[in-house]
PDB file of all heavy atoms in Angstrom:
ATOM      1  N   GLU A   1      25.278  12.412 283.037  1.00  0.00           N
ATOM      2  CA  GLU A   1      24.592  11.587 282.043  1.00  0.00           C
ATOM      3  C   GLU A   1      25.361  10.297 281.765  1.00  0.00           C
ATOM      4  O   GLU A   1      24.758   9.215 281.626  1.00  0.00           O
ATOM      5  CB  GLU A   1      24.408  12.388 280.749  1.00  0.00           C
ATOM      6  CG  GLU A   1      23.410  13.543 280.885  1.00  0.00           C
ATOM      7  CD  GLU A   1      23.359  14.401 279.639  1.00  0.00           C
ATOM      8  OE1 GLU A   1      24.236  14.225 278.754  1.00  0.00           O
ATOM      9  OE2 GLU A   1      22.434  15.246 279.540  1.00  0.00           O
ATOM     10  N   ALA A   2      26.680  10.372 281.700  1.00  0.00           N
ATOM     11  CA  ALA A   2      27.487   9.168 281.490  1.00  0.00           C
ATOM     12  C   ALA A   2      27.373   8.230 282.689  1.00  0.00           C
ATOM     13  O   ALA A   2      27.346   6.999 282.534  1.00  0.00           O
ATOM     14  CB  ALA A   2      28.941   9.552 281.248  1.00  0.00           C
ATOM     15  N   PHE A   3      27.307   8.797 283.891  1.00  0.00           N
ATOM     16  CA  PHE A   3      27.152   8.007 285.110  1.00  0.00           C
ATOM     17  C   PHE A   3      25.862   7.184 285.063  1.00  0.00           C
ATOM     18  O   PHE A   3      25.857   5.976 285.336  1.00  0.00           O
ATOM     19  CB  PHE A   3      27.156   8.964 286.308  1.00  0.00           C
ATOM     20  CG  PHE A   3      26.920   8.319 287.646  1.00  0.00           C
ATOM     21  CD1 PHE A   3      27.956   7.742 288.344  1.00  0.00           C
ATOM     22  CD2 PHE A   3      25.652   8.307 288.209  1.00  0.00           C
ATOM     23  CE1 PHE A   3      27.740   7.152 289.588  1.00  0.00           C
ATOM     24  CE2 PHE A   3      25.426   7.724 289.446  1.00  0.00           C
ATOM     25  CZ  PHE A   3      26.483   7.150 290.134  1.00  0.00           C
ATOM     26  N   VAL A   4      24.765   7.819 284.706  1.00  0.00           N
ATOM     27  CA  VAL A   4      23.476   7.133 284.638  1.00  0.00           C
ATOM     28  C   VAL A   4      23.468   6.113 283.509  1.00  0.00           C
ATOM     29  O   VAL A   4      22.957   4.997 283.649  1.00  0.00           O
ATOM     30  CB  VAL A   4      22.339   8.160 284.475  1.00  0.00           C
ATOM     31  CG1 VAL A   4      21.001   7.457 284.278  1.00  0.00           C
ATOM     32  CG2 VAL A   4      22.279   9.082 285.684  1.00  0.00           C
ATOM     33  N   THR A   5      24.063   6.463 282.357  1.00  0.00           N
ATOM     34  CA  THR A   5      24.081   5.558 281.207  1.00  0.00           C
ATOM     35  C   THR A   5      24.905   4.310 281.485  1.00  0.00           C
ATOM     36  O   THR A   5      24.516   3.192 281.103  1.00  0.00           O
ATOM     37  CB  THR A   5      24.632   6.292 279.977  1.00  0.00           C
ATOM     38  OG1 THR A   5      23.817   7.454 279.716  1.00  0.00           O
ATOM     39  CG2 THR A   5      24.620   5.397 278.750  1.00  0.00           C
ATOM     40  N   ASP A   6      26.049   4.459 282.134  1.00  0.00           N
ATOM     41  CA  ASP A   6      26.889   3.297 282.454  1.00  0.00           C
ATOM     42  C   ASP A   6      26.147   2.324 283.369  1.00  0.00           C
ATOM     43  O   ASP A   6      26.224   1.102 283.189  1.00  0.00           O
ATOM     44  CB  ASP A   6      28.187   3.746 283.114  1.00  0.00           C
ATOM     45  CG  ASP A   6      29.107   4.485 282.137  1.00  0.00           C
ATOM     46  OD1 ASP A   6      28.869   4.379 280.921  1.00  0.00           O
ATOM     47  OD2 ASP A   6      30.045   5.159 282.612  1.00  0.00           O
ATOM     48  N   LEU A   7      25.434   2.842 284.356  1.00  0.00           N
ATOM     49  CA  LEU A   7      24.662   1.970 285.226  1.00  0.00           C
ATOM     50  C   LEU A   7      23.549   1.264 284.451  1.00  0.00           C
ATOM     51  O   LEU A   7      23.311   0.066 284.620  1.00  0.00           O
ATOM     52  CB  LEU A   7      24.064   2.769 286.382  1.00  0.00           C
ATOM     53  CG  LEU A   7      25.032   3.220 287.488  1.00  0.00           C
ATOM     54  CD1 LEU A   7      24.346   4.216 288.407  1.00  0.00           C
ATOM     55  CD2 LEU A   7      25.506   2.020 288.294  1.00  0.00           C
ATOM     56  N   ALA A   8      22.865   2.011 283.591  1.00  0.00           N
ATOM     57  CA  ALA A   8      21.775   1.418 282.810  1.00  0.00           C
ATOM     58  C   ALA A   8      22.289   0.326 281.886  1.00  0.00           C
ATOM     59  O   ALA A   8      21.577  -0.634 281.595  1.00  0.00           O
ATOM     60  CB  ALA A   8      21.055   2.506 282.020  1.00  0.00           C
ATOM     61  N   GLY A   9      23.533   0.455 281.420  1.00  0.00           N
ATOM     62  CA  GLY A   9      24.099  -0.570 280.558  1.00  0.00           C
ATOM     63  C   GLY A   9      24.227  -1.911 281.247  1.00  0.00           C
ATOM     64  O   GLY A   9      24.240  -2.960 280.583  1.00  0.00           O
ATOM     65  N   TYR A  10      24.305  -1.906 282.576  1.00  0.00           N
ATOM     66  CA  TYR A  10      24.353  -3.143 283.343  1.00  0.00           C
ATOM     67  C   TYR A  10      23.004  -3.451 283.999  1.00  0.00           C
ATOM     68  O   TYR A  10      22.921  -4.307 284.883  1.00  0.00           O
ATOM     69  CB  TYR A  10      25.427  -3.060 284.426  1.00  0.00           C
ATOM     70  CG  TYR A  10      26.835  -3.178 283.893  1.00  0.00           C
ATOM     71  CD1 TYR A  10      27.519  -2.065 283.430  1.00  0.00           C
ATOM     72  CD2 TYR A  10      27.469  -4.412 283.836  1.00  0.00           C
ATOM     73  CE1 TYR A  10      28.816  -2.174 282.929  1.00  0.00           C
ATOM     74  CE2 TYR A  10      28.762  -4.535 283.346  1.00  0.00           C
ATOM     75  CZ  TYR A  10      29.423  -3.407 282.889  1.00  0.00           C
ATOM     76  OH  TYR A  10      30.712  -3.519 282.392  1.00  0.00           O
ATOM     77  N   GLY A  11      21.957  -2.759 283.562  1.00  0.00           N
ATOM     78  CA  GLY A  11      20.637  -3.002 284.117  1.00  0.00           C
ATOM     79  C   GLY A  11      20.476  -2.533 285.539  1.00  0.00           C
ATOM     80  O   GLY A  11      19.730  -3.132 286.313  1.00  0.00           O
ATOM     81  N   LEU A  12      21.164  -1.435 285.917  1.00  0.00           N
ATOM     82  CA  LEU A  12      21.147  -0.945 287.289  1.00  0.00           C
ATOM     83  C   LEU A  12      20.723   0.510 287.332  1.00  0.00           C
ATOM     84  O   LEU A  12      20.868   1.247 286.347  1.00  0.00           O
ATOM     85  CB  LEU A  12      22.527  -1.086 287.937  1.00  0.00           C
ATOM     86  CG  LEU A  12      23.115  -2.499 288.060  1.00  0.00           C
ATOM     87  CD1 LEU A  12      24.549  -2.422 288.558  1.00  0.00           C
ATOM     88  CD2 LEU A  12      22.280  -3.366 288.992  1.00  0.00           C
ATOM     89  N   VAL A  13      20.221   0.929 288.466  1.00  0.00           N
ATOM     90  CA  VAL A  13      19.973   2.337 288.765  1.00  0.00           C
ATOM     91  C   VAL A  13      20.553   2.612 290.147  1.00  0.00           C
ATOM     92  O   VAL A  13      20.689   1.713 290.976  1.00  0.00           O
ATOM     93  CB  VAL A  13      18.473   2.684 288.742  1.00  0.00           C
ATOM     94  CG1 VAL A  13      17.919   2.593 287.337  1.00  0.00           C
ATOM     95  CG2 VAL A  13      17.689   1.785 289.688  1.00  0.00           C
ATOM     96  N   CYS A  14      20.897   3.853 290.394  1.00  0.00           N
ATOM     97  CA  CYS A  14      21.501   4.264 291.665  1.00  0.00           C
ATOM     98  C   CYS A  14      20.430   4.897 292.544  1.00  0.00           C
ATOM     99  O   CYS A  14      19.750   5.837 292.114  1.00  0.00           O
ATOM    100  CB  CYS A  14      22.645   5.242 291.420  1.00  0.00           C
ATOM    101  SG  CYS A  14      23.447   5.827 292.931  1.00  0.00           S
ATOM    102  N   THR A  15      20.280   4.388 293.759  1.00  0.00           N
ATOM    103  CA  THR A  15      19.326   4.957 294.706  1.00  0.00           C
ATOM    104  C   THR A  15      20.008   5.696 295.854  1.00  0.00           C
ATOM    105  O   THR A  15      19.351   6.441 296.568  1.00  0.00           O
ATOM    106  CB  THR A  15      18.428   3.854 295.290  1.00  0.00           C
ATOM    107  OG1 THR A  15      19.241   2.865 295.928  1.00  0.00           O
ATOM    108  CG2 THR A  15      17.610   3.187 294.185  1.00  0.00           C
ATOM    109  N   THR A  16      21.304   5.469 296.042  1.00  0.00           N
ATOM    110  CA  THR A  16      22.083   6.201 297.054  1.00  0.00           C
ATOM    111  C   THR A  16      23.432   6.546 296.448  1.00  0.00           C
ATOM    112  O   THR A  16      24.133   5.650 295.956  1.00  0.00           O
ATOM    113  CB  THR A  16      22.287   5.373 298.326  1.00  0.00           C
ATOM    114  OG1 THR A  16      21.012   4.994 298.853  1.00  0.00           O
ATOM    115  CG2 THR A  16      23.040   6.169 299.373  1.00  0.00           C
ATOM    116  N   VAL A  17      23.793   7.813 296.478  1.00  0.00           N
ATOM    117  CA  VAL A  17      25.038   8.256 295.862  1.00  0.00           C
ATOM    118  C   VAL A  17      25.823   9.076 296.873  1.00  0.00           C
ATOM    119  O   VAL A  17      25.249   9.826 297.675  1.00  0.00           O
ATOM    120  CB  VAL A  17      24.762   9.073 294.581  1.00  0.00           C
ATOM    121  CG1 VAL A  17      24.005  10.353 294.903  1.00  0.00           C
ATOM    122  CG2 VAL A  17      26.052   9.381 293.836  1.00  0.00           C
ATOM    123  N   LEU A  18      27.132   8.907 296.849  1.00  0.00           N
ATOM    124  CA  LEU A  18      28.043   9.713 297.658  1.00  0.00           C
ATOM    125  C   LEU A  18      28.701  10.736 296.748  1.00  0.00           C
ATOM    126  O   LEU A  18      29.322  10.371 295.747  1.00  0.00           O
ATOM    127  CB  LEU A  18      29.093   8.825 298.320  1.00  0.00           C
ATOM    128  CG  LEU A  18      30.156   9.550 299.155  1.00  0.00           C
ATOM    129  CD1 LEU A  18      29.524  10.175 300.390  1.00  0.00           C
ATOM    130  CD2 LEU A  18      31.265   8.590 299.569  1.00  0.00           C
ATOM    131  N   ILE A  19      28.546  12.006 297.077  1.00  0.00           N
ATOM    132  CA  ILE A  19      29.110  13.093 296.272  1.00  0.00           C
ATOM    133  C   ILE A  19      30.260  13.717 297.047  1.00  0.00           C
ATOM    134  O   ILE A  19      30.070  14.183 298.184  1.00  0.00           O
ATOM    135  CB  ILE A  19      28.051  14.150 295.925  1.00  0.00           C
ATOM    136  CG1 ILE A  19      26.930  13.512 295.088  1.00  0.00           C
ATOM    137  CG2 ILE A  19      28.677  15.317 295.182  1.00  0.00           C
ATOM    138  CD1 ILE A  19      25.818  14.471 294.728  1.00  0.00           C
ATOM    139  N   GLU A  20      31.436  13.709 296.444  1.00  0.00           N
ATOM    140  CA  GLU A  20      32.623  14.296 297.049  1.00  0.00           C
ATOM    141  C   GLU A  20      33.102  15.460 296.187  1.00  0.00           C
ATOM    142  O   GLU A  20      33.113  15.357 294.957  1.00  0.00           O
ATOM    143  CB  GLU A  20      33.739  13.254 297.185  1.00  0.00           C
ATOM    144  CG  GLU A  20      33.392  12.111 298.127  1.00  0.00           C
ATOM    145  CD  GLU A  20      34.520  11.104 298.248  1.00  0.00           C
ATOM    146  OE1 GLU A  20      35.433  11.155 297.381  1.00  0.00           O
ATOM    147  OE2 GLU A  20      34.507  10.287 299.183  1.00  0.00           O
ATOM    148  N   VAL A  21      33.504  16.523 296.848  1.00  0.00           N
ATOM    149  CA  VAL A  21      33.980  17.735 296.164  1.00  0.00           C
ATOM    150  C   VAL A  21      35.369  18.060 296.696  1.00  0.00           C
ATOM    151  O   VAL A  21      35.575  18.124 297.915  1.00  0.00           O
ATOM    152  CB  VAL A  21      33.014  18.914 296.396  1.00  0.00           C
ATOM    153  CG1 VAL A  21      33.540  20.166 295.703  1.00  0.00           C
ATOM    154  CG2 VAL A  21      31.615  18.574 295.880  1.00  0.00           C
ATOM    155  N   ASP A  22      36.311  18.260 295.775  1.00  0.00           N
ATOM    156  CA  ASP A  22      37.690  18.586 296.134  1.00  0.00           C
ATOM    157  C   ASP A  22      37.983  20.048 295.834  1.00  0.00           C
ATOM    158  O   ASP A  22      37.536  20.598 294.813  1.00  0.00           O
ATOM    159  CB  ASP A  22      38.682  17.721 295.346  1.00  0.00           C
ATOM    160  CG  ASP A  22      38.645  16.266 295.797  1.00  0.00           C
ATOM    161  OD1 ASP A  22      37.983  15.990 296.808  1.00  0.00           O
ATOM    162  OD2 ASP A  22      39.271  15.423 295.133  1.00  0.00           O
ATOM    163  N   THR A  23      38.742  20.653 296.727  1.00  0.00           N
ATOM    164  CA  THR A  23      39.290  21.989 296.498  1.00  0.00           C
ATOM    165  C   THR A  23      40.769  21.950 296.850  1.00  0.00           C
ATOM    166  O   THR A  23      41.157  21.349 297.855  1.00  0.00           O
ATOM    167  CB  THR A  23      38.578  23.046 297.366  1.00  0.00           C
ATOM    168  OG1 THR A  23      38.753  22.725 298.739  1.00  0.00           O
ATOM    169  CG2 THR A  23      37.096  23.119 297.031  1.00  0.00           C
ATOM    170  N   ASP A  24      41.582  22.554 296.005  1.00  0.00           N
ATOM    171  CA  ASP A  24      43.038  22.598 296.223  1.00  0.00           C
ATOM    172  C   ASP A  24      43.624  21.191 296.390  1.00  0.00           C
ATOM    173  O   ASP A  24      44.541  20.957 297.193  1.00  0.00           O
ATOM    174  CB  ASP A  24      43.391  23.447 297.445  1.00  0.00           C
ATOM    175  CG  ASP A  24      43.035  24.911 297.236  1.00  0.00           C
ATOM    176  OD1 ASP A  24      43.017  25.341 296.059  1.00  0.00           O
ATOM    177  OD2 ASP A  24      42.767  25.613 298.230  1.00  0.00           O
ATOM    178  N   GLY A  25      43.043  20.218 295.672  1.00  0.00           N
ATOM    179  CA  GLY A  25      43.582  18.874 295.685  1.00  0.00           C
ATOM    180  C   GLY A  25      43.234  18.032 296.895  1.00  0.00           C
ATOM    181  O   GLY A  25      43.745  16.919 297.041  1.00  0.00           O
ATOM    182  N   SER A  26      42.346  18.503 297.783  1.00  0.00           N
ATOM    183  CA  SER A  26      41.960  17.734 298.966  1.00  0.00           C
ATOM    184  C   SER A  26      40.447  17.771 299.111  1.00  0.00           C
ATOM    185  O   SER A  26      39.763  18.655 298.584  1.00  0.00           O
ATOM    186  CB  SER A  26      42.627  18.296 300.225  1.00  0.00           C
ATOM    187  OG  SER A  26      42.243  19.646 300.430  1.00  0.00           O
ATOM    188  N   LEU A  27      39.912  16.793 299.853  1.00  0.00           N
ATOM    189  CA  LEU A  27      38.468  16.671 300.014  1.00  0.00           C
ATOM    190  C   LEU A  27      37.939  17.830 300.849  1.00  0.00           C
ATOM    191  O   LEU A  27      38.387  18.075 301.965  1.00  0.00           O
ATOM    192  CB  LEU A  27      38.131  15.338 300.694  1.00  0.00           C
ATOM    193  CG  LEU A  27      36.649  15.044 300.914  1.00  0.00           C
ATOM    194  CD1 LEU A  27      35.919  14.913 299.580  1.00  0.00           C
ATOM    195  CD2 LEU A  27      36.486  13.766 301.731  1.00  0.00           C
ATOM    196  N   ALA A  28      36.946  18.546 300.288  1.00  0.00           N
ATOM    197  CA  ALA A  28      36.369  19.690 300.983  1.00  0.00           C
ATOM    198  C   ALA A  28      35.013  19.367 301.587  1.00  0.00           C
ATOM    199  O   ALA A  28      34.695  19.815 302.688  1.00  0.00           O
ATOM    200  CB  ALA A  28      36.234  20.873 300.026  1.00  0.00           C
ATOM    201  N   THR A  29      34.194  18.612 300.879  1.00  0.00           N
ATOM    202  CA  THR A  29      32.880  18.258 301.386  1.00  0.00           C
ATOM    203  C   THR A  29      32.473  16.912 300.815  1.00  0.00           C
ATOM    204  O   THR A  29      32.807  16.567 299.681  1.00  0.00           O
ATOM    205  CB  THR A  29      31.826  19.334 301.022  1.00  0.00           C
ATOM    206  OG1 THR A  29      30.533  18.885 301.456  1.00  0.00           O
ATOM    207  CG2 THR A  29      31.785  19.574 299.530  1.00  0.00           C
ATOM    208  N   SER A  30      31.768  16.143 301.636  1.00  0.00           N
ATOM    209  CA  SER A  30      31.293  14.819 301.232  1.00  0.00           C
ATOM    210  C   SER A  30      29.933  14.603 301.862  1.00  0.00           C
ATOM    211  O   SER A  30      29.735  14.874 303.054  1.00  0.00           O
ATOM    212  CB  SER A  30      32.276  13.729 301.680  1.00  0.00           C
ATOM    213  OG  SER A  30      31.755  12.448 301.411  1.00  0.00           O
ATOM    214  N   ARG A  31      28.992  14.112 301.043  1.00  0.00           N
ATOM    215  CA  ARG A  31      27.644  13.882 301.575  1.00  0.00           C
ATOM    216  C   ARG A  31      26.980  12.728 300.838  1.00  0.00           C
ATOM    217  O   ARG A  31      27.169  12.565 299.636  1.00  0.00           O
ATOM    218  CB  ARG A  31      26.784  15.136 301.450  1.00  0.00           C
ATOM    219  CG  ARG A  31      25.357  14.934 301.954  1.00  0.00           C
ATOM    220  CD  ARG A  31      24.627  16.209 302.209  1.00  0.00           C
ATOM    221  NE  ARG A  31      23.275  15.959 302.662  1.00  0.00           N
ATOM    222  CZ  ARG A  31      22.421  16.894 303.069  1.00  0.00           C
ATOM    223  NH1 ARG A  31      22.811  18.154 303.094  1.00  0.00           N
ATOM    224  NH2 ARG A  31      21.198  16.588 303.447  1.00  0.00           N
ATOM    225  N   ARG A  32      26.217  11.944 301.587  1.00  0.00           N
ATOM    226  CA  ARG A  32      25.475  10.807 301.025  1.00  0.00           C
ATOM    227  C   ARG A  32      24.042  11.257 300.760  1.00  0.00           C
ATOM    228  O   ARG A  32      23.361  11.775 301.647  1.00  0.00           O
ATOM    229  CB  ARG A  32      25.509   9.632 301.991  1.00  0.00           C
ATOM    230  CG  ARG A  32      24.822   8.382 301.495  1.00  0.00           C
ATOM    231  CD  ARG A  32      24.968   7.250 302.501  1.00  0.00           C
ATOM    232  NE  ARG A  32      26.368   6.827 302.614  1.00  0.00           N
ATOM    233  CZ  ARG A  32      27.174   7.159 303.590  1.00  0.00           C
ATOM    234  NH1 ARG A  32      26.744   7.949 304.565  1.00  0.00           N
ATOM    235  NH2 ARG A  32      28.423   6.730 303.633  1.00  0.00           N
ATOM    236  N   TRP A  33      23.592  11.056 299.538  1.00  0.00           N
ATOM    237  CA  TRP A  33      22.244  11.444 299.126  1.00  0.00           C
ATOM    238  C   TRP A  33      21.445  10.205 298.751  1.00  0.00           C
ATOM    239  O   TRP A  33      21.974   9.274 298.156  1.00  0.00           O
ATOM    240  CB  TRP A  33      22.289  12.395 297.928  1.00  0.00           C
ATOM    241  CG  TRP A  33      23.001  13.684 298.176  1.00  0.00           C
ATOM    242  CD1 TRP A  33      24.332  13.938 298.029  1.00  0.00           C
ATOM    243  CD2 TRP A  33      22.418  14.913 298.623  1.00  0.00           C
ATOM    244  NE1 TRP A  33      24.618  15.237 298.353  1.00  0.00           N
ATOM    245  CE2 TRP A  33      23.451  15.869 298.720  1.00  0.00           C
ATOM    246  CE3 TRP A  33      21.120  15.307 298.945  1.00  0.00           C
ATOM    247  CZ2 TRP A  33      23.226  17.178 299.114  1.00  0.00           C
ATOM    248  CZ3 TRP A  33      20.897  16.616 299.343  1.00  0.00           C
ATOM    249  CH2 TRP A  33      21.949  17.532 299.425  1.00  0.00           C
ATOM    250  N   MET A  34      20.149  10.212 299.097  1.00  0.00           N
ATOM    251  CA  MET A  34      19.249   9.129 298.723  1.00  0.00           C
ATOM    252  C   MET A  34      18.104   9.679 297.884  1.00  0.00           C
ATOM    253  O   MET A  34      17.810  10.878 297.912  1.00  0.00           O
ATOM    254  CB  MET A  34      18.703   8.432 299.963  1.00  0.00           C
ATOM    255  CG  MET A  34      19.758   7.793 300.825  1.00  0.00           C
ATOM    256  SD  MET A  34      19.053   6.917 302.218  1.00  0.00           S
ATOM    257  CE  MET A  34      20.133   7.502 303.521  1.00  0.00           C
ATOM    258  N   HIS A  35      17.455   8.798 297.142  1.00  0.00           N
ATOM    259  CA  HIS A  35      16.374   9.202 296.250  1.00  0.00           C
ATOM    260  C   HIS A  35      15.190   8.277 296.478  1.00  0.00           C
ATOM    261  O   HIS A  35      15.378   7.063 296.669  1.00  0.00           O
ATOM    262  CB  HIS A  35      16.837   9.119 294.785  1.00  0.00           C
ATOM    263  CG  HIS A  35      15.958   9.886 293.842  1.00  0.00           C
ATOM    264  ND1 HIS A  35      14.751   9.396 293.391  1.00  0.00           N
ATOM    265  CD2 HIS A  35      16.107  11.109 293.268  1.00  0.00           C
ATOM    266  CE1 HIS A  35      14.208  10.290 292.572  1.00  0.00           C
ATOM    267  NE2 HIS A  35      14.994  11.329 292.491  1.00  0.00           N
ATOM    268  N   PRO A  36      13.951   8.794 296.459  1.00  0.00           N
ATOM    269  CA  PRO A  36      12.793   7.913 296.661  1.00  0.00           C
ATOM    270  C   PRO A  36      12.625   6.893 295.546  1.00  0.00           C
ATOM    271  O   PRO A  36      12.017   5.837 295.761  1.00  0.00           O
ATOM    272  CB  PRO A  36      11.611   8.882 296.717  1.00  0.00           C
ATOM    273  CG  PRO A  36      12.080  10.122 296.027  1.00  0.00           C
ATOM    274  CD  PRO A  36      13.553  10.196 296.299  1.00  0.00           C
ATOM    275  N   ARG A  37      13.138   7.194 294.330  1.00  0.00           N
ATOM    276  CA  ARG A  37      13.078   6.219 293.235  1.00  0.00           C
ATOM    277  C   ARG A  37      14.498   5.891 292.791  1.00  0.00           C
ATOM    278  O   ARG A  37      15.104   4.952 293.252  1.00  0.00           O
ATOM    279  CB  ARG A  37      12.243   6.777 292.080  1.00  0.00           C
ATOM    280  CG  ARG A  37      10.792   7.078 292.461  1.00  0.00           C
ATOM    281  CD  ARG A  37       9.959   7.396 291.244  1.00  0.00           C
ATOM    282  NE  ARG A  37       9.800   6.222 290.411  1.00  0.00           N
ATOM    283  CZ  ARG A  37       9.580   6.289 289.101  1.00  0.00           C
ATOM    284  NH1 ARG A  37       9.528   7.460 288.503  1.00  0.00           N
ATOM    285  NH2 ARG A  37       9.422   5.194 288.393  1.00  0.00           N
ATOM    286  N   TRP A  38      15.053   6.679 291.877  1.00  0.00           N
ATOM    287  CA  TRP A  38      16.435   6.514 291.446  1.00  0.00           C
ATOM    288  C   TRP A  38      16.914   7.810 290.827  1.00  0.00           C
ATOM    289  O   TRP A  38      16.136   8.647 290.388  1.00  0.00           O
ATOM    290  CB  TRP A  38      16.579   5.341 290.472  1.00  0.00           C
ATOM    291  CG  TRP A  38      15.636   5.347 289.305  1.00  0.00           C
ATOM    292  CD1 TRP A  38      14.367   4.849 289.271  1.00  0.00           C
ATOM    293  CD2 TRP A  38      15.874   5.902 288.008  1.00  0.00           C
ATOM    294  NE1 TRP A  38      13.792   5.042 288.047  1.00  0.00           N
ATOM    295  CE2 TRP A  38      14.705   5.685 287.241  1.00  0.00           C
ATOM    296  CE3 TRP A  38      16.952   6.550 287.409  1.00  0.00           C
ATOM    297  CZ2 TRP A  38      14.576   6.094 285.922  1.00  0.00           C
ATOM    298  CZ3 TRP A  38      16.826   6.961 286.094  1.00  0.00           C
ATOM    299  CH2 TRP A  38      15.663   6.724 285.371  1.00  0.00           C
ATOM    300  N   PHE A  39      18.240   7.975 290.801  1.00  0.00           N
ATOM    301  CA  PHE A  39      18.848   9.228 290.359  1.00  0.00           C
ATOM    302  C   PHE A  39      18.935   9.274 288.839  1.00  0.00           C
ATOM    303  O   PHE A  39      19.473   8.358 288.200  1.00  0.00           O
ATOM    304  CB  PHE A  39      20.258   9.378 290.950  1.00  0.00           C
ATOM    305  CG  PHE A  39      20.275   9.815 292.373  1.00  0.00           C
ATOM    306  CD1 PHE A  39      20.538   8.906 293.389  1.00  0.00           C
ATOM    307  CD2 PHE A  39      20.015  11.131 292.713  1.00  0.00           C
ATOM    308  CE1 PHE A  39      20.557   9.299 294.710  1.00  0.00           C
ATOM    309  CE2 PHE A  39      20.032  11.539 294.035  1.00  0.00           C
ATOM    310  CZ  PHE A  39      20.298  10.626 295.034  1.00  0.00           C
ATOM    311  N   GLY A  40      18.435  10.368 288.284  1.00  0.00           N
ATOM    312  CA  GLY A  40      18.704  10.720 286.901  1.00  0.00           C
ATOM    313  C   GLY A  40      19.788  11.781 286.854  1.00  0.00           C
ATOM    314  O   GLY A  40      20.271  12.261 287.885  1.00  0.00           O
TER     315      GLY A  40
END
């Protein structure tokens, strides 16, 4: 929710997001996601 609100504060929405997940202090999985409109 803070991620979406910060973007909206600058008049922006996110249509492509990179999600990274760490386990044991190192990157375990990373994937790029797209949305037909914008991410809530």
